[in-house]
């Protein structure tokens, strides 16, 4: 290897340049908040508007993402978070593009998780979208979870 680099120094310089560019790209990608789950992004406040009452609730993006994932089933993008006052799935992010990206991210994660399950378990799961997740109350609290609980759980 040493003899090869002595005879052809351009190989070493090319390798050095490629590594330098890769490091620069990684630094640039991290500095712009490339991950949808970066701590800074999860702490951003998002506004959710309930289309049936016109009320607006705000919460950290991390709590919003958690609400979307709580059901464990695929989500229907046309159904929003449950409005605690009316019980209807009418809570959407103001930014439609962010809403669509969030739903697609959750559904993709569910698909990846299901792909790792044994075939017998996968067959028992339905691909039908589940009920919309409970949404935030206008006072900032999360709506109670009315789903049935297994015996002995809290």
C-alpha atoms as a PDB file:
ATOM      1  CA  UNK A   1       0.000   0.000   0.000  1.00  0.00           C
ATOM      2  CA  UNK A   2       2.817   2.355   0.929  1.00  0.00           C
ATOM      3  CA  UNK A   3       4.644   1.679  -2.330  1.00  0.00           C
ATOM      4  CA  UNK A   4       1.451   2.262  -4.321  1.00  0.00           C
ATOM      5  CA  UNK A   5       0.923   5.663  -2.687  1.00  0.00           C
ATOM      6  CA  UNK A   6       4.581   6.605  -3.248  1.00  0.00           C
ATOM      7  CA  UNK A   7       4.333   5.807  -6.938  1.00  0.00           C
ATOM      8  CA  UNK A   8       0.876   7.398  -7.337  1.00  0.00           C
ATOM      9  CA  UNK A   9       0.426  10.238  -4.831  1.00  0.00           C
ATOM     10  CA  UNK A  10      -2.772  11.347  -6.575  1.00  0.00           C
ATOM     11  CA  UNK A  11      -4.550   8.290  -5.109  1.00  0.00           C
ATOM     12  CA  UNK A  12      -3.783   9.476  -1.583  1.00  0.00           C
ATOM     13  CA  UNK A  13      -4.837  13.042  -2.354  1.00  0.00           C
ATOM     14  CA  UNK A  14      -8.067  11.820  -3.955  1.00  0.00           C
ATOM     15  CA  UNK A  15      -8.880   9.672  -0.928  1.00  0.00           C
ATOM     16  CA  UNK A  16      -8.124  12.614   1.351  1.00  0.00           C
ATOM     17  CA  UNK A  17     -10.422  14.878  -0.685  1.00  0.00           C
ATOM     18  CA  UNK A  18     -13.279  12.376  -0.617  1.00  0.00           C
ATOM     19  CA  UNK A  19     -12.987  11.982   3.168  1.00  0.00           C
ATOM     20  CA  UNK A  20     -12.841  15.759   3.584  1.00  0.00           C
ATOM     21  CA  UNK A  21     -16.019  16.203   1.508  1.00  0.00           C
ATOM     22  CA  UNK A  22     -17.798  13.432   3.442  1.00  0.00           C
ATOM     23  CA  UNK A  23     -16.913  15.096   6.759  1.00  0.00           C
ATOM     24  CA  UNK A  24     -18.095  18.440   5.444  1.00  0.00           C
ATOM     25  CA  UNK A  25     -21.409  16.981   4.310  1.00  0.00           C
ATOM     26  CA  UNK A  26     -21.984  15.257   7.666  1.00  0.00           C
ATOM     27  CA  UNK A  27     -21.249  18.486   9.536  1.00  0.00           C
ATOM     28  CA  UNK A  28     -23.575  20.462   7.250  1.00  0.00           C
ATOM     29  CA  UNK A  29     -26.361  17.886   7.571  1.00  0.00           C
ATOM     30  CA  UNK A  30     -26.187  17.886  11.379  1.00  0.00           C
ATOM     31  CA  UNK A  31     -25.978  21.664  11.661  1.00  0.00           C
ATOM     32  CA  UNK A  32     -29.195  22.170   9.713  1.00  0.00           C
ATOM     33  CA  UNK A  33     -31.211  19.819  11.922  1.00  0.00           C
ATOM     34  CA  UNK A  34     -31.451  17.043   9.341  1.00  0.00           C
ATOM     35  CA  UNK A  35     -33.148  14.561  11.653  1.00  0.00           C
ATOM     36  CA  UNK A  36     -36.917  14.801  12.147  1.00  0.00           C
ATOM     37  CA  UNK A  37     -36.300  13.567  15.711  1.00  0.00           C
ATOM     38  CA  UNK A  38     -33.571  16.001  16.747  1.00  0.00           C
ATOM     39  CA  UNK A  39     -34.009  17.357  20.289  1.00  0.00           C
ATOM     40  CA  UNK A  40     -34.353  20.905  18.989  1.00  0.00           C
ATOM     41  CA  UNK A  41     -37.160  19.877  16.636  1.00  0.00           C
ATOM     42  CA  UNK A  42     -38.972  17.851  19.314  1.00  0.00           C
ATOM     43  CA  UNK A  43     -39.031  20.935  21.563  1.00  0.00           C
ATOM     44  CA  UNK A  44     -40.641  23.169  18.933  1.00  0.00           C
ATOM     45  CA  UNK A  45     -44.189  24.182  19.732  1.00  0.00           C
ATOM     46  CA  UNK A  46     -46.810  23.155  17.177  1.00  0.00           C
ATOM     47  CA  UNK A  47     -50.319  24.533  16.842  1.00  0.00           C
ATOM     48  CA  UNK A  48     -53.236  22.204  16.315  1.00  0.00           C
ATOM     49  CA  UNK A  49     -56.491  23.627  15.047  1.00  0.00           C
ATOM     50  CA  UNK A  50     -59.761  21.799  15.588  1.00  0.00           C
ATOM     51  CA  UNK A  51     -61.745  22.372  12.425  1.00  0.00           C
ATOM     52  CA  UNK A  52     -65.146  21.749  14.025  1.00  0.00           C
ATOM     53  CA  UNK A  53     -64.838  24.321  16.834  1.00  0.00           C
ATOM     54  CA  UNK A  54     -62.070  26.568  15.501  1.00  0.00           C
ATOM     55  CA  UNK A  55     -60.115  26.248  18.763  1.00  0.00           C
ATOM     56  CA  UNK A  56     -56.329  26.127  18.698  1.00  0.00           C
ATOM     57  CA  UNK A  57     -54.116  24.136  21.070  1.00  0.00           C
ATOM     58  CA  UNK A  58     -50.319  24.228  21.264  1.00  0.00           C
ATOM     59  CA  UNK A  59     -47.954  21.530  22.432  1.00  0.00           C
ATOM     60  CA  UNK A  60     -44.329  20.461  21.945  1.00  0.00           C
ATOM     61  CA  UNK A  61     -43.757  18.536  18.715  1.00  0.00           C
ATOM     62  CA  UNK A  62     -42.432  15.595  20.725  1.00  0.00           C
ATOM     63  CA  UNK A  63     -45.752  15.180  22.544  1.00  0.00           C
ATOM     64  CA  UNK A  64     -47.618  15.552  19.248  1.00  0.00           C
ATOM     65  CA  UNK A  65     -45.475  12.794  17.660  1.00  0.00           C
ATOM     66  CA  UNK A  66     -46.062  10.602  20.715  1.00  0.00           C
ATOM     67  CA  UNK A  67     -49.832  11.052  20.391  1.00  0.00           C
ATOM     68  CA  UNK A  68     -49.650   9.939  16.770  1.00  0.00           C
ATOM     69  CA  UNK A  69     -47.695   6.793  17.696  1.00  0.00           C
ATOM     70  CA  UNK A  70     -49.752   5.761  20.725  1.00  0.00           C
ATOM     71  CA  UNK A  71     -52.344   3.753  18.782  1.00  0.00           C
ATOM     72  CA  UNK A  72     -49.782   1.478  17.145  1.00  0.00           C
ATOM     73  CA  UNK A  73     -51.948   1.240  14.029  1.00  0.00           C
ATOM     74  CA  UNK A  74     -51.676   2.977  10.675  1.00  0.00           C
ATOM     75  CA  UNK A  75     -53.191   6.437  10.601  1.00  0.00           C
ATOM     76  CA  UNK A  76     -55.604   7.919   8.093  1.00  0.00           C
ATOM     77  CA  UNK A  77     -54.299  11.371   7.051  1.00  0.00           C
ATOM     78  CA  UNK A  78     -57.859  12.637   6.589  1.00  0.00           C
ATOM     79  CA  UNK A  79     -58.616  12.107  10.292  1.00  0.00           C
ATOM     80  CA  UNK A  80     -56.981  14.387  12.806  1.00  0.00           C
ATOM     81  CA  UNK A  81     -56.473  14.293  16.537  1.00  0.00           C
ATOM     82  CA  UNK A  82     -59.616  13.826  18.623  1.00  0.00           C
ATOM     83  CA  UNK A  83     -61.177  17.091  19.778  1.00  0.00           C
ATOM     84  CA  UNK A  84     -61.784  16.558  23.514  1.00  0.00           C
ATOM     85  CA  UNK A  85     -64.879  18.778  23.455  1.00  0.00           C
ATOM     86  CA  UNK A  86     -66.678  17.078  20.569  1.00  0.00           C
ATOM     87  CA  UNK A  87     -65.005  13.666  20.381  1.00  0.00           C
ATOM     88  CA  UNK A  88     -64.499  14.122  16.625  1.00  0.00           C
ATOM     89  CA  UNK A  89     -61.162  13.625  14.799  1.00  0.00           C
ATOM     90  CA  UNK A  90     -60.774  17.229  13.644  1.00  0.00           C
ATOM     91  CA  UNK A  91     -57.399  18.367  15.053  1.00  0.00           C
ATOM     92  CA  UNK A  92     -54.781  19.078  12.387  1.00  0.00           C
ATOM     93  CA  UNK A  93     -51.490  20.943  12.259  1.00  0.00           C
ATOM     94  CA  UNK A  94     -51.765  24.335  10.606  1.00  0.00           C
ATOM     95  CA  UNK A  95     -49.124  23.337   8.070  1.00  0.00           C
ATOM     96  CA  UNK A  96     -50.670  20.625   5.861  1.00  0.00           C
ATOM     97  CA  UNK A  97     -47.263  19.575   4.530  1.00  0.00           C
ATOM     98  CA  UNK A  98     -45.989  18.902   8.083  1.00  0.00           C
ATOM     99  CA  UNK A  99     -49.179  16.961   8.875  1.00  0.00           C
ATOM    100  CA  UNK A 100     -48.751  14.763   5.799  1.00  0.00           C
ATOM    101  CA  UNK A 101     -45.045  14.195   6.562  1.00  0.00           C
ATOM    102  CA  UNK A 102     -45.826  13.237  10.171  1.00  0.00           C
ATOM    103  CA  UNK A 103     -48.532  10.759   9.163  1.00  0.00           C
ATOM    104  CA  UNK A 104     -46.284   9.258   6.470  1.00  0.00           C
ATOM    105  CA  UNK A 105     -43.397   8.942   8.987  1.00  0.00           C
ATOM    106  CA  UNK A 106     -45.618   7.162  11.543  1.00  0.00           C
ATOM    107  CA  UNK A 107     -47.137   4.823   8.942  1.00  0.00           C
ATOM    108  CA  UNK A 108     -43.672   4.040   7.574  1.00  0.00           C
ATOM    109  CA  UNK A 109     -42.395   3.222  11.067  1.00  0.00           C
ATOM    110  CA  UNK A 110     -45.375   0.913  11.610  1.00  0.00           C
ATOM    111  CA  UNK A 111     -44.662  -0.848   8.298  1.00  0.00           C
ATOM    112  CA  UNK A 112     -40.994  -1.336   9.237  1.00  0.00           C
ATOM    113  CA  UNK A 113     -41.927  -2.685  12.669  1.00  0.00           C
ATOM    114  CA  UNK A 114     -44.460  -5.092  11.174  1.00  0.00           C
ATOM    115  CA  UNK A 115     -41.909  -6.342   8.647  1.00  0.00           C
ATOM    116  CA  UNK A 116     -39.782  -7.593  11.564  1.00  0.00           C
ATOM    117  CA  UNK A 117     -42.651  -9.566  13.124  1.00  0.00           C
ATOM    118  CA  UNK A 118     -43.159 -13.286  12.581  1.00  0.00           C
ATOM    119  CA  UNK A 119     -45.503 -14.117   9.696  1.00  0.00           C
ATOM    120  CA  UNK A 120     -48.185 -15.538  12.007  1.00  0.00           C
ATOM    121  CA  UNK A 121     -48.355 -12.294  13.977  1.00  0.00           C
ATOM    122  CA  UNK A 122     -48.287 -10.141  10.844  1.00  0.00           C
ATOM    123  CA  UNK A 123     -51.323 -11.947   9.419  1.00  0.00           C
ATOM    124  CA  UNK A 124     -53.342 -11.187  12.539  1.00  0.00           C
ATOM    125  CA  UNK A 125     -52.748  -7.439  12.258  1.00  0.00           C
ATOM    126  CA  UNK A 126     -55.105  -5.378  10.184  1.00  0.00           C
ATOM    127  CA  UNK A 127     -53.814  -2.729   7.790  1.00  0.00           C
ATOM    128  CA  UNK A 128     -56.966  -0.702   8.284  1.00  0.00           C
ATOM    129  CA  UNK A 129     -56.303   2.681   9.870  1.00  0.00           C
ATOM    130  CA  UNK A 130     -57.024   2.699  13.563  1.00  0.00           C
ATOM    131  CA  UNK A 131     -58.950   5.262  15.529  1.00  0.00           C
ATOM    132  CA  UNK A 132     -57.438   8.732  15.589  1.00  0.00           C
ATOM    133  CA  UNK A 133     -55.238   9.442  18.592  1.00  0.00           C
ATOM    134  CA  UNK A 134     -56.516  11.546  21.474  1.00  0.00           C
ATOM    135  CA  UNK A 135     -55.624  15.169  21.079  1.00  0.00           C
ATOM    136  CA  UNK A 136     -54.593  17.994  23.349  1.00  0.00           C
ATOM    137  CA  UNK A 137     -57.164  19.985  25.215  1.00  0.00           C
ATOM    138  CA  UNK A 138     -57.205  23.725  24.628  1.00  0.00           C
ATOM    139  CA  UNK A 139     -55.719  24.102  28.133  1.00  0.00           C
ATOM    140  CA  UNK A 140     -52.680  22.071  27.001  1.00  0.00           C
ATOM    141  CA  UNK A 141     -53.506  18.777  28.725  1.00  0.00           C
ATOM    142  CA  UNK A 142     -53.898  15.541  26.812  1.00  0.00           C
ATOM    143  CA  UNK A 143     -57.348  14.032  26.415  1.00  0.00           C
ATOM    144  CA  UNK A 144     -57.966  10.940  28.551  1.00  0.00           C
ATOM    145  CA  UNK A 145     -57.449   7.575  26.956  1.00  0.00           C
ATOM    146  CA  UNK A 146     -60.805   5.797  26.866  1.00  0.00           C
ATOM    147  CA  UNK A 147     -59.508   2.622  25.266  1.00  0.00           C
ATOM    148  CA  UNK A 148     -60.168  -0.625  27.113  1.00  0.00           C
ATOM    149  CA  UNK A 149     -57.352  -1.792  29.367  1.00  0.00           C
ATOM    150  CA  UNK A 150     -56.113  -5.305  29.896  1.00  0.00           C
ATOM    151  CA  UNK A 151     -56.949  -6.794  33.309  1.00  0.00           C
ATOM    152  CA  UNK A 152     -54.359  -5.827  35.872  1.00  0.00           C
ATOM    153  CA  UNK A 153     -53.003  -2.873  33.901  1.00  0.00           C
ATOM    154  CA  UNK A 154     -53.306   0.737  34.965  1.00  0.00           C
END
